[in-house]
Amino acid sequence: MSGTTSKVSKATALARVLAVIAGTKKHFPNGSLTIGNVAFTEASLVGLFQSLADAVTAESAARASVKGALSALRETNAKVSPVLRAFKRIVLDTFGSATEILADFGLDPPKARKPLSGEQIAAATAKRRATRTARGTVGKRKKLAIKGDVTGIVVTPVTHAPASPPSAAEPTSSAHAASSAAK
């Protein structure tokens, strides 16, 4: 194993641990080693290394299981949430402010709207009038009274431009229109 500090993937680490286990079984079949003042037999070393390999494998399986569960949760939530919101609206509309029944559904009754004070009403009216003035909006009757004046209408036909400039033999569309108008 190299002494570099680069990050190793879990698959690579697992492969390395399995290679260490295979090498230990091959080259230390019945020996005992002392590592850090602790004596290990070949079987205890292999068992220790195998526990690491098992933990890495179990973590990978758990991670895959979690990803699958999260994906299933997202799909289910996408299907159920709109129906749940609509059902809550139906329950609130049906039972209104019956707090005991709404509590059975885990819902709170809708809060009553707080009445505006006299100052707030005056401020809202002033703001509404200022907005209508700024936008130039008028009511239904004033709209009906407004008539447009149209004089001297000139209709210009829209023609598609040719892909290439017209040759001298072909008359241009304006020359063609002038000759048609002259007739």
Protein backbone atom coordinates (compact mmCIF):
# COMPACT_ATOMS: atom_id res chain seq x y z
CA MET A 1 0.00 0.00 0.00
CA SER A 2 1.34 3.41 -0.83
CA GLY A 3 2.03 6.14 1.71
CA THR A 4 0.24 8.92 -0.16
CA THR A 5 -2.55 10.87 1.44
CA SER A 6 -4.85 10.99 -1.57
CA LYS A 7 -8.46 10.05 -0.99
CA VAL A 8 -9.23 6.43 -1.83
CA SER A 9 -12.65 5.29 -2.98
CA LYS A 10 -14.54 2.76 -0.90
CA ALA A 11 -14.35 0.20 -3.68
CA THR A 12 -10.57 0.58 -3.86
CA ALA A 13 -10.24 0.38 -0.06
CA LEU A 14 -12.40 -2.76 -0.03
CA ALA A 15 -10.30 -4.34 -2.77
CA ARG A 16 -7.13 -3.53 -0.84
CA VAL A 17 -8.46 -5.06 2.39
CA LEU A 18 -9.52 -8.22 0.54
CA ALA A 19 -6.04 -8.41 -1.03
CA VAL A 20 -4.45 -8.06 2.44
CA ILE A 21 -6.66 -10.90 3.68
CA ALA A 22 -5.66 -13.12 0.75
CA GLY A 23 -1.96 -12.29 1.24
CA THR A 24 -2.17 -12.98 4.96
CA LYS A 25 -3.77 -16.39 4.39
CA LYS A 26 -1.14 -17.24 1.76
CA HIS A 27 2.05 -16.03 3.44
CA PHE A 28 1.21 -16.36 7.17
CA PRO A 29 -0.86 -19.55 7.24
CA ASN A 30 -0.14 -20.54 10.83
CA GLY A 31 2.05 -17.77 12.15
CA SER A 32 1.62 -15.22 14.83
CA LEU A 33 2.60 -11.56 14.61
CA THR A 34 3.06 -8.83 17.17
CA ILE A 35 1.68 -5.49 15.99
CA GLY A 36 1.86 -2.54 18.36
CA ASN A 37 2.55 -4.73 21.43
CA VAL A 38 -0.44 -6.95 20.61
CA ALA A 39 0.04 -10.55 19.50
CA PHE A 40 -2.19 -11.67 16.61
CA THR A 41 -2.64 -15.07 15.09
CA GLU A 42 -3.32 -15.44 11.38
CA ALA A 43 -6.97 -16.21 12.10
CA SER A 44 -7.45 -13.17 14.37
CA LEU A 45 -5.82 -10.85 11.79
CA VAL A 46 -8.00 -12.22 9.00
CA GLY A 47 -11.07 -11.88 11.23
CA LEU A 48 -10.16 -8.27 12.06
CA PHE A 49 -9.57 -7.37 8.39
CA GLN A 50 -12.74 -9.22 7.35
CA SER A 51 -14.77 -7.16 9.85
CA LEU A 52 -13.60 -3.99 8.06
CA ALA A 53 -14.53 -5.46 4.66
CA ASP A 54 -17.96 -6.48 6.01
CA ALA A 55 -18.54 -2.98 7.45
CA VAL A 56 -17.66 -1.31 4.13
CA THR A 57 -19.98 -3.68 2.26
CA ALA A 58 -22.81 -3.14 4.76
CA GLU A 59 -22.39 0.65 4.52
CA SER A 60 -22.56 0.55 0.72
CA ALA A 61 -25.70 -1.59 0.85
CA ALA A 62 -27.28 0.72 3.43
CA ARG A 63 -26.43 3.79 1.34
CA ALA A 64 -28.03 2.18 -1.74
CA SER A 65 -31.08 1.28 0.34
CA VAL A 66 -31.36 4.86 1.62
CA LYS A 67 -31.10 6.25 -1.92
CA GLY A 68 -33.88 3.91 -3.01
CA ALA A 69 -36.03 4.87 -0.04
CA LEU A 70 -35.49 8.59 -0.66
CA SER A 71 -36.38 8.16 -4.31
CA ALA A 72 -39.56 6.28 -3.39
CA LEU A 73 -40.41 8.99 -0.84
CA ARG A 74 -40.03 11.75 -3.44
CA GLU A 75 -42.21 9.91 -5.97
CA THR A 76 -44.91 9.16 -3.40
CA ASN A 77 -44.82 12.72 -2.06
CA ALA A 78 -45.24 14.09 -5.60
CA LYS A 79 -48.36 11.95 -6.07
CA VAL A 80 -49.92 12.38 -2.64
CA SER A 81 -49.22 16.04 -1.77
CA PRO A 82 -51.63 17.64 -4.28
CA VAL A 83 -54.42 15.28 -3.21
CA LEU A 84 -53.68 15.93 0.47
CA ARG A 85 -53.77 19.73 -0.01
CA ALA A 86 -57.08 19.49 -1.90
CA PHE A 87 -58.53 17.21 0.79
CA LYS A 88 -57.51 19.67 3.52
CA ARG A 89 -59.28 22.47 1.64
CA ILE A 90 -62.41 20.32 1.33
CA VAL A 91 -62.36 19.50 5.05
CA LEU A 92 -61.87 23.19 5.96
CA ASP A 93 -64.70 24.22 3.61
CA THR A 94 -67.00 21.47 4.86
CA PHE A 95 -66.51 21.86 8.59
CA GLY A 96 -65.64 25.59 8.69
CA SER A 97 -64.85 26.55 12.26
CA ALA A 98 -65.94 23.35 14.05
CA THR A 99 -62.74 23.05 16.04
CA GLU A 100 -63.47 19.61 17.50
CA ILE A 101 -64.03 18.03 14.09
CA LEU A 102 -61.05 19.84 12.55
CA ALA A 103 -58.90 18.62 15.47
CA ASP A 104 -59.83 15.03 14.50
CA PHE A 105 -58.15 15.77 11.15
CA GLY A 106 -55.20 17.49 12.81
CA LEU A 107 -56.20 20.87 11.39
CA ASP A 108 -56.64 24.26 13.01
CA PRO A 109 -59.66 26.39 12.15
CA PRO A 110 -58.93 29.28 9.80
CA LYS A 111 -58.01 32.45 11.59
CA ALA A 112 -60.54 35.27 11.48
CA ARG A 113 -59.47 38.24 9.43
CA LYS A 114 -58.43 41.18 11.57
CA PRO A 115 -60.54 44.25 10.72
CA LEU A 116 -58.65 47.26 9.40
CA SER A 117 -58.49 50.43 11.44
CA GLY A 118 -59.80 53.75 10.09
CA GLU A 119 -56.25 54.91 9.30
CA GLN A 120 -55.50 51.70 7.39
CA ILE A 121 -58.70 52.02 5.33
CA ALA A 122 -57.89 55.65 4.49
CA ALA A 123 -54.32 54.74 3.52
CA ALA A 124 -55.54 51.87 1.30
CA THR A 125 -58.06 54.15 -0.45
CA ALA A 126 -55.44 56.83 -1.07
CA LYS A 127 -53.01 54.25 -2.42
CA ARG A 128 -55.69 52.75 -4.70
CA ARG A 129 -56.56 56.21 -6.13
CA ALA A 130 -52.91 57.09 -6.65
CA THR A 131 -52.32 53.81 -8.48
CA ARG A 132 -55.32 54.37 -10.80
CA THR A 133 -54.11 57.89 -11.55
CA ALA A 134 -50.55 56.72 -12.21
CA ARG A 135 -51.71 53.93 -14.52
CA GLY A 136 -54.38 56.02 -16.19
CA THR A 137 -57.05 53.43 -15.53
CA VAL A 138 -60.70 54.38 -15.77
CA GLY A 139 -64.00 52.69 -15.04
CA LYS A 140 -66.45 50.95 -17.40
CA ARG A 141 -68.53 54.02 -18.31
CA LYS A 142 -65.53 56.23 -19.01
CA LYS A 143 -64.04 53.51 -21.21
CA LEU A 144 -67.28 53.39 -23.23
CA ALA A 145 -67.16 57.17 -23.68
CA ILE A 146 -63.66 57.09 -25.16
CA LYS A 147 -63.72 56.83 -28.96
CA GLY A 148 -60.74 56.77 -31.27
CA ASP A 149 -60.37 59.16 -34.21
CA VAL A 150 -58.97 57.56 -37.34
CA THR A 151 -58.19 59.58 -40.47
CA GLY A 152 -56.26 58.82 -43.63
CA ILE A 153 -55.77 55.08 -43.43
CA VAL A 154 -53.01 53.71 -45.64
CA VAL A 155 -52.91 49.96 -45.98
CA THR A 156 -49.54 48.59 -46.98
CA PRO A 157 -49.55 44.94 -48.08
CA VAL A 158 -46.89 42.74 -46.57
CA THR A 159 -44.97 40.74 -49.15
CA HIS A 160 -42.23 38.26 -48.57
CA ALA A 161 -38.83 39.34 -49.76
CA PRO A 162 -37.41 37.13 -52.54
CA ALA A 163 -34.46 34.90 -51.67
CA SER A 164 -32.27 36.64 -54.27
CA PRO A 165 -32.41 40.19 -55.61
CA PRO A 166 -34.79 40.53 -58.59
CA SER A 167 -33.24 40.46 -62.00
CA ALA A 168 -33.78 43.21 -64.52
CA ALA A 169 -36.28 41.01 -66.39
CA GLU A 170 -38.48 40.56 -63.28
CA PRO A 171 -40.46 43.58 -62.14
CA THR A 172 -40.17 44.41 -58.46
CA SER A 173 -43.21 44.09 -56.25
CA SER A 174 -43.60 47.89 -55.93
CA ALA A 175 -43.28 48.32 -59.69
CA HIS A 176 -45.80 45.51 -60.17
CA ALA A 177 -48.17 47.14 -57.67
CA ALA A 178 -47.81 50.50 -59.42
CA SER A 179 -48.55 48.97 -62.81
CA SER A 180 -51.58 47.15 -61.34
CA ALA A 181 -52.86 50.37 -59.79
CA ALA A 182 -52.46 52.24 -63.09
CA LYS A 183 -54.84 49.85 -64.87
